[in-house]
PDB file of all heavy atoms in Angstrom:
ATOM      1  N   LEU A   1     -41.843  38.356  15.296  1.00  0.00           N
ATOM      2  CA  LEU A   1     -42.995  37.412  15.120  1.00  0.00           C
ATOM      3  C   LEU A   1     -42.704  36.363  14.190  1.00  0.00           C
ATOM      4  O   LEU A   1     -43.082  35.097  14.554  1.00  0.00           O
ATOM      5  CB  LEU A   1     -44.278  38.320  14.736  1.00  0.00           C
ATOM      6  CG  LEU A   1     -45.513  37.466  14.403  1.00  0.00           C
ATOM      7  CD1 LEU A   1     -45.881  36.792  15.674  1.00  0.00           C
ATOM      8  CD2 LEU A   1     -46.620  38.480  13.927  1.00  0.00           C
ATOM      9  N   ASP A   2     -42.149  36.589  13.009  1.00  0.00           N
ATOM     10  CA  ASP A   2     -41.862  35.473  11.945  1.00  0.00           C
ATOM     11  C   ASP A   2     -40.875  34.554  12.578  1.00  0.00           C
ATOM     12  O   ASP A   2     -41.058  33.323  12.348  1.00  0.00           O
ATOM     13  CB  ASP A   2     -41.365  36.227  10.771  1.00  0.00           C
ATOM     14  CG  ASP A   2     -42.440  36.899   9.975  1.00  0.00           C
ATOM     15  OD1 ASP A   2     -43.555  36.540  10.126  1.00  0.00           O
ATOM     16  OD2 ASP A   2     -42.096  37.821   9.159  1.00  0.00           O
ATOM     17  N   ASN A   3     -39.793  35.035  13.221  1.00  0.00           N
ATOM     18  CA  ASN A   3     -38.830  34.106  13.740  1.00  0.00           C
ATOM     19  C   ASN A   3     -39.529  33.217  14.790  1.00  0.00           C
ATOM     20  O   ASN A   3     -39.117  32.017  14.917  1.00  0.00           O
ATOM     21  CB  ASN A   3     -37.616  34.913  14.347  1.00  0.00           C
ATOM     22  CG  ASN A   3     -36.741  35.447  13.240  1.00  0.00           C
ATOM     23  OD1 ASN A   3     -36.838  35.020  12.077  1.00  0.00           O
ATOM     24  ND2 ASN A   3     -35.982  36.524  13.656  1.00  0.00           N
ATOM     25  N   ARG A   4     -40.304  33.703  15.713  1.00  0.00           N
ATOM     26  CA  ARG A   4     -40.898  32.998  16.747  1.00  0.00           C
ATOM     27  C   ARG A   4     -41.855  31.965  16.211  1.00  0.00           C
ATOM     28  O   ARG A   4     -41.914  30.851  16.578  1.00  0.00           O
ATOM     29  CB  ARG A   4     -41.582  33.838  17.844  1.00  0.00           C
ATOM     30  CG  ARG A   4     -40.659  34.402  18.838  1.00  0.00           C
ATOM     31  CD  ARG A   4     -40.033  33.234  19.623  1.00  0.00           C
ATOM     32  NE  ARG A   4     -38.940  33.663  20.377  1.00  0.00           N
ATOM     33  CZ  ARG A   4     -38.223  32.805  21.199  1.00  0.00           C
ATOM     34  NH1 ARG A   4     -38.510  31.545  21.248  1.00  0.00           N
ATOM     35  NH2 ARG A   4     -37.284  33.302  21.953  1.00  0.00           N
ATOM     36  N   LEU A   5     -42.654  32.371  15.286  1.00  0.00           N
ATOM     37  CA  LEU A   5     -43.538  31.440  14.592  1.00  0.00           C
ATOM     38  C   LEU A   5     -42.799  30.289  13.871  1.00  0.00           C
ATOM     39  O   LEU A   5     -43.292  29.095  13.930  1.00  0.00           O
ATOM     40  CB  LEU A   5     -44.398  32.117  13.533  1.00  0.00           C
ATOM     41  CG  LEU A   5     -45.525  33.056  14.078  1.00  0.00           C
ATOM     42  CD1 LEU A   5     -46.176  33.922  13.002  1.00  0.00           C
ATOM     43  CD2 LEU A   5     -46.609  32.291  14.882  1.00  0.00           C
ATOM     44  N   SER A   6     -41.687  30.620  13.318  1.00  0.00           N
ATOM     45  CA  SER A   6     -40.871  29.519  12.606  1.00  0.00           C
ATOM     46  C   SER A   6     -40.330  28.600  13.685  1.00  0.00           C
ATOM     47  O   SER A   6     -40.352  27.303  13.459  1.00  0.00           O
ATOM     48  CB  SER A   6     -39.719  30.179  11.852  1.00  0.00           C
ATOM     49  OG  SER A   6     -40.242  30.992  10.805  1.00  0.00           O
ATOM     50  N   PHE A   7     -39.803  29.057  14.866  1.00  0.00           N
ATOM     51  CA  PHE A   7     -39.292  28.306  15.862  1.00  0.00           C
ATOM     52  C   PHE A   7     -40.399  27.323  16.552  1.00  0.00           C
ATOM     53  O   PHE A   7     -40.180  26.126  16.692  1.00  0.00           O
ATOM     54  CB  PHE A   7     -38.624  29.044  16.919  1.00  0.00           C
ATOM     55  CG  PHE A   7     -37.958  28.294  17.992  1.00  0.00           C
ATOM     56  CD1 PHE A   7     -36.901  27.522  17.771  1.00  0.00           C
ATOM     57  CD2 PHE A   7     -38.525  28.269  19.338  1.00  0.00           C
ATOM     58  CE1 PHE A   7     -36.244  26.830  18.701  1.00  0.00           C
ATOM     59  CE2 PHE A   7     -37.890  27.560  20.303  1.00  0.00           C
ATOM     60  CZ  PHE A   7     -36.730  26.778  20.073  1.00  0.00           C
ATOM     61  N   MET A   8     -41.584  27.934  16.705  1.00  0.00           N
ATOM     62  CA  MET A   8     -42.761  27.284  17.153  1.00  0.00           C
ATOM     63  C   MET A   8     -43.137  26.032  16.308  1.00  0.00           C
ATOM     64  O   MET A   8     -43.423  24.887  16.733  1.00  0.00           O
ATOM     65  CB  MET A   8     -43.868  28.101  17.414  1.00  0.00           C
ATOM     66  CG  MET A   8     -43.724  29.118  18.678  1.00  0.00           C
ATOM     67  SD  MET A   8     -44.826  30.615  18.515  1.00  0.00           S
ATOM     68  CE  MET A   8     -46.489  29.814  18.316  1.00  0.00           C
ATOM     69  N   LEU A   9     -43.070  26.407  15.046  1.00  0.00           N
ATOM     70  CA  LEU A   9     -43.432  25.402  13.975  1.00  0.00           C
ATOM     71  C   LEU A   9     -42.380  24.248  13.992  1.00  0.00           C
ATOM     72  O   LEU A   9     -42.654  23.029  13.832  1.00  0.00           O
ATOM     73  CB  LEU A   9     -43.402  25.981  12.577  1.00  0.00           C
ATOM     74  CG  LEU A   9     -43.707  25.119  11.482  1.00  0.00           C
ATOM     75  CD1 LEU A   9     -45.179  24.527  11.589  1.00  0.00           C
ATOM     76  CD2 LEU A   9     -43.713  25.835  10.170  1.00  0.00           C
ATOM     77  N   PHE A  10     -41.127  24.543  14.094  1.00  0.00           N
ATOM     78  CA  PHE A  10     -40.047  23.496  14.056  1.00  0.00           C
ATOM     79  C   PHE A  10     -40.169  22.583  15.133  1.00  0.00           C
ATOM     80  O   PHE A  10     -40.033  21.320  15.189  1.00  0.00           O
ATOM     81  CB  PHE A  10     -38.584  24.162  13.962  1.00  0.00           C
ATOM     82  CG  PHE A  10     -38.395  25.019  12.778  1.00  0.00           C
ATOM     83  CD1 PHE A  10     -37.494  26.126  12.908  1.00  0.00           C
ATOM     84  CD2 PHE A  10     -38.925  24.556  11.615  1.00  0.00           C
ATOM     85  CE1 PHE A  10     -37.269  26.805  11.770  1.00  0.00           C
ATOM     86  CE2 PHE A  10     -38.706  25.413  10.426  1.00  0.00           C
ATOM     87  CZ  PHE A  10     -37.909  26.509  10.580  1.00  0.00           C
ATOM     88  N   ILE A  11     -40.385  23.130  16.426  1.00  0.00           N
ATOM     89  CA  ILE A  11     -40.556  22.232  17.633  1.00  0.00           C
ATOM     90  C   ILE A  11     -41.789  21.386  17.439  1.00  0.00           C
ATOM     91  O   ILE A  11     -41.757  20.144  17.803  1.00  0.00           O
ATOM     92  CB  ILE A  11     -40.681  23.210  18.788  1.00  0.00           C
ATOM     93  CG1 ILE A  11     -39.490  24.008  19.093  1.00  0.00           C
ATOM     94  CG2 ILE A  11     -41.075  22.294  20.096  1.00  0.00           C
ATOM     95  CD1 ILE A  11     -38.226  23.180  19.287  1.00  0.00           C
ATOM     96  N   GLN A  12     -42.920  21.899  16.877  1.00  0.00           N
ATOM     97  CA  GLN A  12     -44.147  21.177  16.679  1.00  0.00           C
ATOM     98  C   GLN A  12     -43.830  20.101  15.689  1.00  0.00           C
ATOM     99  O   GLN A  12     -44.380  18.989  15.939  1.00  0.00           O
ATOM    100  CB  GLN A  12     -45.308  22.054  16.276  1.00  0.00           C
ATOM    101  CG  GLN A  12     -46.654  21.249  16.260  1.00  0.00           C
ATOM    102  CD  GLN A  12     -47.840  22.230  15.987  1.00  0.00           C
ATOM    103  OE1 GLN A  12     -47.663  23.440  15.746  1.00  0.00           O
ATOM    104  NE2 GLN A  12     -49.019  21.738  15.882  1.00  0.00           N
ATOM    105  N   ILE A  13     -43.223  20.284  14.615  1.00  0.00           N
ATOM    106  CA  ILE A  13     -42.909  19.354  13.549  1.00  0.00           C
ATOM    107  C   ILE A  13     -42.155  18.058  14.312  1.00  0.00           C
ATOM    108  O   ILE A  13     -42.397  16.937  13.999  1.00  0.00           O
ATOM    109  CB  ILE A  13     -42.125  19.865  12.373  1.00  0.00           C
ATOM    110  CG1 ILE A  13     -43.122  20.801  11.612  1.00  0.00           C
ATOM    111  CG2 ILE A  13     -41.658  18.791  11.515  1.00  0.00           C
ATOM    112  CD1 ILE A  13     -42.317  21.606  10.635  1.00  0.00           C
ATOM    113  N   ILE A  14     -41.095  18.436  14.995  1.00  0.00           N
ATOM    114  CA  ILE A  14     -40.349  17.301  15.662  1.00  0.00           C
ATOM    115  C   ILE A  14     -41.145  16.511  16.602  1.00  0.00           C
ATOM    116  O   ILE A  14     -41.120  15.149  16.534  1.00  0.00           O
ATOM    117  CB  ILE A  14     -39.220  17.934  16.472  1.00  0.00           C
ATOM    118  CG1 ILE A  14     -38.260  18.585  15.456  1.00  0.00           C
ATOM    119  CG2 ILE A  14     -38.564  16.864  17.297  1.00  0.00           C
ATOM    120  CD1 ILE A  14     -37.118  19.406  16.097  1.00  0.00           C
ATOM    121  N   LEU A  15     -41.964  17.091  17.374  1.00  0.00           N
ATOM    122  CA  LEU A  15     -42.779  16.323  18.399  1.00  0.00           C
ATOM    123  C   LEU A  15     -43.839  15.632  17.669  1.00  0.00           C
ATOM    124  O   LEU A  15     -44.277  14.539  18.140  1.00  0.00           O
ATOM    125  CB  LEU A  15     -43.314  17.295  19.428  1.00  0.00           C
ATOM    126  CG  LEU A  15     -42.325  17.876  20.383  1.00  0.00           C
ATOM    127  CD1 LEU A  15     -42.992  18.848  21.372  1.00  0.00           C
ATOM    128  CD2 LEU A  15     -41.516  16.850  21.172  1.00  0.00           C
ATOM    129  N   LEU A  16     -44.541  16.216  16.644  1.00  0.00           N
ATOM    130  CA  LEU A  16     -45.543  15.469  15.904  1.00  0.00           C
ATOM    131  C   LEU A  16     -44.953  14.285  15.199  1.00  0.00           C
ATOM    132  O   LEU A  16     -45.648  13.144  15.254  1.00  0.00           O
ATOM    133  CB  LEU A  16     -46.134  16.454  14.854  1.00  0.00           C
ATOM    134  CG  LEU A  16     -47.179  17.471  15.238  1.00  0.00           C
ATOM    135  CD1 LEU A  16     -47.516  18.350  14.091  1.00  0.00           C
ATOM    136  CD2 LEU A  16     -48.428  16.650  15.671  1.00  0.00           C
ATOM    137  N   SER A  17     -43.814  14.397  14.711  1.00  0.00           N
ATOM    138  CA  SER A  17     -43.112  13.171  14.126  1.00  0.00           C
ATOM    139  C   SER A  17     -42.949  12.098  15.098  1.00  0.00           C
ATOM    140  O   SER A  17     -43.205  10.901  14.838  1.00  0.00           O
ATOM    141  CB  SER A  17     -41.738  13.529  13.452  1.00  0.00           C
ATOM    142  OG  SER A  17     -41.939  14.562  12.506  1.00  0.00           O
ATOM    143  N   LEU A  18     -42.487  12.353  16.305  1.00  0.00           N
ATOM    144  CA  LEU A  18     -42.233  11.420  17.350  1.00  0.00           C
ATOM    145  C   LEU A  18     -43.527  10.707  17.787  1.00  0.00           C
ATOM    146  O   LEU A  18     -43.464   9.525  18.050  1.00  0.00           O
ATOM    147  CB  LEU A  18     -41.601  12.033  18.456  1.00  0.00           C
ATOM    148  CG  LEU A  18     -40.057  12.515  18.343  1.00  0.00           C
ATOM    149  CD1 LEU A  18     -39.656  13.230  19.518  1.00  0.00           C
ATOM    150  CD2 LEU A  18     -39.109  11.410  17.928  1.00  0.00           C
ATOM    151  N   CYS A  19     -44.604  11.484  17.799  1.00  0.00           N
ATOM    152  CA  CYS A  19     -45.849  10.919  18.324  1.00  0.00           C
ATOM    153  C   CYS A  19     -46.639  10.227  17.182  1.00  0.00           C
ATOM    154  O   CYS A  19     -47.580   9.421  17.622  1.00  0.00           O
ATOM    155  CB  CYS A  19     -46.730  11.964  18.924  1.00  0.00           C
ATOM    156  SG  CYS A  19     -46.116  12.768  20.406  1.00  0.00           S
ATOM    157  N   THR A  20     -46.470  10.408  15.946  1.00  0.00           N
ATOM    158  CA  THR A  20     -47.403   9.880  14.966  1.00  0.00           C
ATOM    159  C   THR A  20     -46.648   8.890  14.107  1.00  0.00           C
ATOM    160  O   THR A  20     -47.299   7.927  13.642  1.00  0.00           O
ATOM    161  CB  THR A  20     -47.977  11.049  14.019  1.00  0.00           C
ATOM    162  OG1 THR A  20     -46.883  11.777  13.490  1.00  0.00           O
ATOM    163  CG2 THR A  20     -48.808  11.933  14.819  1.00  0.00           C
ATOM    164  N   PHE A  21     -45.264   9.037  13.917  1.00  0.00           N
ATOM    165  CA  PHE A  21     -44.631   7.997  13.078  1.00  0.00           C
ATOM    166  C   PHE A  21     -44.798   6.527  13.612  1.00  0.00           C
ATOM    167  O   PHE A  21     -45.027   5.652  12.837  1.00  0.00           O
ATOM    168  CB  PHE A  21     -43.118   8.332  13.023  1.00  0.00           C
ATOM    169  CG  PHE A  21     -42.857   9.162  11.857  1.00  0.00           C
ATOM    170  CD1 PHE A  21     -41.856  10.106  11.794  1.00  0.00           C
ATOM    171  CD2 PHE A  21     -43.502   9.210  10.749  1.00  0.00           C
ATOM    172  CE1 PHE A  21     -41.460  10.947  10.910  1.00  0.00           C
ATOM    173  CE2 PHE A  21     -43.257   9.926   9.611  1.00  0.00           C
ATOM    174  CZ  PHE A  21     -42.298  10.899   9.760  1.00  0.00           C
ATOM    175  N   PRO A  22     -44.797   6.249  14.962  1.00  0.00           N
ATOM    176  CA  PRO A  22     -45.026   4.922  15.417  1.00  0.00           C
ATOM    177  C   PRO A  22     -46.232   4.324  14.925  1.00  0.00           C
ATOM    178  O   PRO A  22     -46.337   3.059  14.530  1.00  0.00           O
ATOM    179  CB  PRO A  22     -44.819   5.066  16.905  1.00  0.00           C
ATOM    180  CG  PRO A  22     -44.113   6.203  17.171  1.00  0.00           C
ATOM    181  CD  PRO A  22     -44.475   7.117  16.103  1.00  0.00           C
ATOM    182  N   GLN A  23     -47.280   5.093  14.925  1.00  0.00           N
ATOM    183  CA  GLN A  23     -48.670   4.457  14.493  1.00  0.00           C
ATOM    184  C   GLN A  23     -48.653   4.330  12.917  1.00  0.00           C
ATOM    185  O   GLN A  23     -49.252   3.169  12.585  1.00  0.00           O
ATOM    186  CB  GLN A  23     -49.912   5.341  14.791  1.00  0.00           C
ATOM    187  CG  GLN A  23     -51.170   4.635  14.678  1.00  0.00           C
ATOM    188  CD  GLN A  23     -52.403   5.566  14.689  1.00  0.00           C
ATOM    189  OE1 GLN A  23     -52.259   6.742  14.289  1.00  0.00           O
ATOM    190  NE2 GLN A  23     -53.460   5.027  15.065  1.00  0.00           N
ATOM    191  N   ALA A  24     -48.007   5.188  12.216  1.00  0.00           N
ATOM    192  CA  ALA A  24     -47.968   4.906  10.763  1.00  0.00           C
ATOM    193  C   ALA A  24     -47.192   3.667  10.421  1.00  0.00           C
ATOM    194  O   ALA A  24     -47.538   2.887   9.716  1.00  0.00           O
ATOM    195  CB  ALA A  24     -47.296   6.197  10.133  1.00  0.00           C
ATOM    196  N   ILE A  25     -46.151   3.476  11.244  1.00  0.00           N
ATOM    197  CA  ILE A  25     -45.213   2.221  10.962  1.00  0.00           C
ATOM    198  C   ILE A  25     -46.095   0.986  11.395  1.00  0.00           C
ATOM    199  O   ILE A  25     -46.073  -0.037  10.683  1.00  0.00           O
ATOM    200  CB  ILE A  25     -44.025   2.262  11.814  1.00  0.00           C
ATOM    201  CG1 ILE A  25     -43.144   3.402  11.261  1.00  0.00           C
ATOM    202  CG2 ILE A  25     -43.222   0.906  11.770  1.00  0.00           C
ATOM    203  CD1 ILE A  25     -41.887   3.701  12.157  1.00  0.00           C
ATOM    204  N   GLN A  26     -46.755   1.078  12.469  1.00  0.00           N
ATOM    205  CA  GLN A  26     -47.645  -0.042  12.923  1.00  0.00           C
ATOM    206  C   GLN A  26     -48.864  -0.388  12.011  1.00  0.00           C
ATOM    207  O   GLN A  26     -49.103  -1.551  11.687  1.00  0.00           O
ATOM    208  CB  GLN A  26     -48.210   0.327  14.390  1.00  0.00           C
ATOM    209  CG  GLN A  26     -49.024  -0.783  14.890  1.00  0.00           C
ATOM    210  CD  GLN A  26     -50.461  -0.758  14.669  1.00  0.00           C
ATOM    211  OE1 GLN A  26     -51.051   0.254  14.389  1.00  0.00           O
ATOM    212  NE2 GLN A  26     -51.181  -1.937  14.634  1.00  0.00           N
ATOM    213  N   LYS A  27     -49.459   0.774  11.368  1.00  0.00           N
ATOM    214  CA  LYS A  27     -50.422   0.526  10.319  1.00  0.00           C
ATOM    215  C   LYS A  27     -49.904  -0.085   9.075  1.00  0.00           C
ATOM    216  O   LYS A  27     -50.511  -1.130   8.528  1.00  0.00           O
ATOM    217  CB  LYS A  27     -50.982   1.778   9.960  1.00  0.00           C
ATOM    218  CG  LYS A  27     -51.944   2.490  11.029  1.00  0.00           C
ATOM    219  CD  LYS A  27     -53.241   1.920  10.823  1.00  0.00           C
ATOM    220  CE  LYS A  27     -54.342   2.765  11.744  1.00  0.00           C
ATOM    221  NZ  LYS A  27     -55.662   2.101  11.715  1.00  0.00           N
ATOM    222  N   MET A  28     -48.660   0.273   8.703  1.00  0.00           N
ATOM    223  CA  MET A  28     -48.019  -0.288   7.452  1.00  0.00           C
ATOM    224  C   MET A  28     -47.681  -1.771   7.696  1.00  0.00           C
ATOM    225  O   MET A  28     -47.886  -2.595   6.859  1.00  0.00           O
ATOM    226  CB  MET A  28     -46.858   0.569   7.028  1.00  0.00           C
ATOM    227  CG  MET A  28     -47.202   2.018   6.681  1.00  0.00           C
ATOM    228  SD  MET A  28     -48.117   2.247   5.188  1.00  0.00           S
ATOM    229  CE  MET A  28     -47.018   1.728   4.000  1.00  0.00           C
ATOM    230  N   TYR A  29     -47.204  -2.048   8.842  1.00  0.00           N
ATOM    231  CA  TYR A  29     -46.780  -3.357   9.292  1.00  0.00           C
ATOM    232  C   TYR A  29     -47.924  -4.311   9.197  1.00  0.00           C
ATOM    233  O   TYR A  29     -47.920  -5.355   8.730  1.00  0.00           O
ATOM    234  CB  TYR A  29     -46.126  -3.416  10.567  1.00  0.00           C
ATOM    235  CG  TYR A  29     -45.800  -4.754  11.162  1.00  0.00           C
ATOM    236  CD1 TYR A  29     -44.741  -5.409  10.835  1.00  0.00           C
ATOM    237  CD2 TYR A  29     -46.717  -5.449  12.120  1.00  0.00           C
ATOM    238  CE1 TYR A  29     -44.322  -6.745  11.320  1.00  0.00           C
ATOM    239  CE2 TYR A  29     -46.371  -6.652  12.632  1.00  0.00           C
ATOM    240  CZ  TYR A  29     -45.376  -7.251  12.162  1.00  0.00           C
ATOM    241  OH  TYR A  29     -45.039  -8.518  12.622  1.00  0.00           O
ATOM    242  N   SER A  30     -49.082  -3.933   9.963  1.00  0.00           N
ATOM    243  CA  SER A  30     -50.245  -4.742  10.090  1.00  0.00           C
ATOM    244  C   SER A  30     -50.938  -4.950   8.610  1.00  0.00           C
ATOM    245  O   SER A  30     -51.530  -6.026   8.455  1.00  0.00           O
ATOM    246  CB  SER A  30     -51.248  -4.190  11.003  1.00  0.00           C
ATOM    247  OG  SER A  30     -51.733  -2.864  10.643  1.00  0.00           O
ATOM    248  N   THR A  31     -50.703  -3.952   7.724  1.00  0.00           N
ATOM    249  CA  THR A  31     -51.320  -4.099   6.442  1.00  0.00           C
ATOM    250  C   THR A  31     -50.472  -4.899   5.453  1.00  0.00           C
ATOM    251  O   THR A  31     -51.016  -5.786   4.715  1.00  0.00           O
ATOM    252  CB  THR A  31     -51.486  -2.661   5.887  1.00  0.00           C
ATOM    253  OG1 THR A  31     -52.332  -1.898   6.725  1.00  0.00           O
ATOM    254  CG2 THR A  31     -52.223  -2.719   4.530  1.00  0.00           C
ATOM    255  N   LEU A  32     -49.230  -4.829   5.523  1.00  0.00           N
ATOM    256  CA  LEU A  32     -48.312  -5.345   4.491  1.00  0.00           C
ATOM    257  C   LEU A  32     -47.912  -6.744   4.909  1.00  0.00           C
ATOM    258  O   LEU A  32     -47.772  -7.731   4.148  1.00  0.00           O
ATOM    259  CB  LEU A  32     -47.054  -4.452   4.278  1.00  0.00           C
ATOM    260  CG  LEU A  32     -47.274  -3.068   3.780  1.00  0.00           C
ATOM    261  CD1 LEU A  32     -45.976  -2.341   3.681  1.00  0.00           C
ATOM    262  CD2 LEU A  32     -47.928  -3.266   2.363  1.00  0.00           C
ATOM    263  N   ILE A  33     -47.652  -7.008   6.164  1.00  0.00           N
ATOM    264  CA  ILE A  33     -47.232  -8.269   6.587  1.00  0.00           C
ATOM    265  C   ILE A  33     -48.330  -9.273   6.542  1.00  0.00           C
ATOM    266  O   ILE A  33     -49.459  -9.065   7.174  1.00  0.00           O
ATOM    267  CB  ILE A  33     -46.722  -8.291   8.083  1.00  0.00           C
ATOM    268  CG1 ILE A  33     -45.519  -7.211   8.112  1.00  0.00           C
ATOM    269  CG2 ILE A  33     -46.201  -9.647   8.573  1.00  0.00           C
ATOM    270  CD1 ILE A  33     -44.368  -7.528   7.185  1.00  0.00           C
ATOM    271  N   PRO A  34     -48.164 -10.424   5.973  1.00  0.00           N
ATOM    272  CA  PRO A  34     -49.373 -11.474   5.853  1.00  0.00           C
ATOM    273  C   PRO A  34     -49.759 -11.848   7.149  1.00  0.00           C
ATOM    274  O   PRO A  34     -48.939 -12.006   8.176  1.00  0.00           O
ATOM    275  CB  PRO A  34     -48.672 -12.524   5.076  1.00  0.00           C
ATOM    276  CG  PRO A  34     -47.527 -11.907   4.290  1.00  0.00           C
ATOM    277  CD  PRO A  34     -47.023 -10.894   5.167  1.00  0.00           C
ATOM    278  N   ASN A  35     -51.032 -12.253   7.320  1.00  0.00           N
ATOM    279  CA  ASN A  35     -51.495 -12.668   8.637  1.00  0.00           C
ATOM    280  C   ASN A  35     -50.892 -14.031   8.960  1.00  0.00           C
ATOM    281  O   ASN A  35     -50.956 -14.880   8.156  1.00  0.00           O
ATOM    282  CB  ASN A  35     -53.049 -12.767   8.467  1.00  0.00           C
ATOM    283  CG  ASN A  35     -53.717 -11.444   8.535  1.00  0.00           C
ATOM    284  OD1 ASN A  35     -53.263 -10.481   9.020  1.00  0.00           O
ATOM    285  ND2 ASN A  35     -54.836 -11.308   7.860  1.00  0.00           N
ATOM    286  N   GLU A  36     -50.505 -14.122  10.135  1.00  0.00           N
ATOM    287  CA  GLU A  36     -49.926 -15.435  10.619  1.00  0.00           C
ATOM    288  C   GLU A  36     -50.882 -15.971  11.667  1.00  0.00           C
ATOM    289  O   GLU A  36     -51.718 -15.289  12.229  1.00  0.00           O
ATOM    290  CB  GLU A  36     -48.487 -15.351  11.140  1.00  0.00           C
ATOM    291  CG  GLU A  36     -47.582 -14.664  10.108  1.00  0.00           C
ATOM    292  CD  GLU A  36     -46.248 -14.379  10.776  1.00  0.00           C
ATOM    293  OE1 GLU A  36     -46.081 -14.593  11.912  1.00  0.00           O
ATOM    294  OE2 GLU A  36     -45.360 -13.934   9.938  1.00  0.00           O
ATOM    295  N   VAL A  37     -50.620 -17.178  11.996  1.00  0.00           N
ATOM    296  CA  VAL A  37     -51.323 -17.747  13.125  1.00  0.00           C
ATOM    297  C   VAL A  37     -50.911 -17.055  14.452  1.00  0.00           C
ATOM    298  O   VAL A  37     -49.701 -17.272  14.770  1.00  0.00           O
ATOM    299  CB  VAL A  37     -51.234 -19.347  13.207  1.00  0.00           C
ATOM    300  CG1 VAL A  37     -51.948 -19.899  14.375  1.00  0.00           C
ATOM    301  CG2 VAL A  37     -51.683 -19.996  11.918  1.00  0.00           C
ATOM    302  N   GLU A  38     -51.709 -16.450  15.033  1.00  0.00           N
ATOM    303  CA  GLU A  38     -51.368 -15.618  16.176  1.00  0.00           C
ATOM    304  C   GLU A  38     -51.767 -16.291  17.471  1.00  0.00           C
ATOM    305  O   GLU A  38     -52.905 -16.750  17.582  1.00  0.00           O
ATOM    306  CB  GLU A  38     -52.024 -14.104  16.184  1.00  0.00           C
ATOM    307  CG  GLU A  38     -51.373 -13.452  14.928  1.00  0.00           C
ATOM    308  CD  GLU A  38     -51.925 -11.967  14.989  1.00  0.00           C
ATOM    309  OE1 GLU A  38     -52.839 -11.722  15.729  1.00  0.00           O
ATOM    310  OE2 GLU A  38     -51.251 -11.189  14.342  1.00  0.00           O
ATOM    311  N   THR A  39     -50.896 -16.296  18.489  1.00  0.00           N
ATOM    312  CA  THR A  39     -51.238 -16.816  19.753  1.00  0.00           C
ATOM    313  C   THR A  39     -52.015 -15.842  20.639  1.00  0.00           C
ATOM    314  O   THR A  39     -51.962 -14.626  20.318  1.00  0.00           O
ATOM    315  CB  THR A  39     -50.005 -17.276  20.529  1.00  0.00           C
ATOM    316  OG1 THR A  39     -49.152 -16.049  20.746  1.00  0.00           O
ATOM    317  CG2 THR A  39     -49.195 -18.249  19.673  1.00  0.00           C
TER     318      THR A  39
END
């Protein structure tokens, strides 16, 4: 049970990172980069 729970957790961590990191980067970019004249 402990080994399976650990394996389930590792897979979830990897997929969570792939799905959520892009939005975190986008949020940081839009917040830190000065506003430019946008077309």
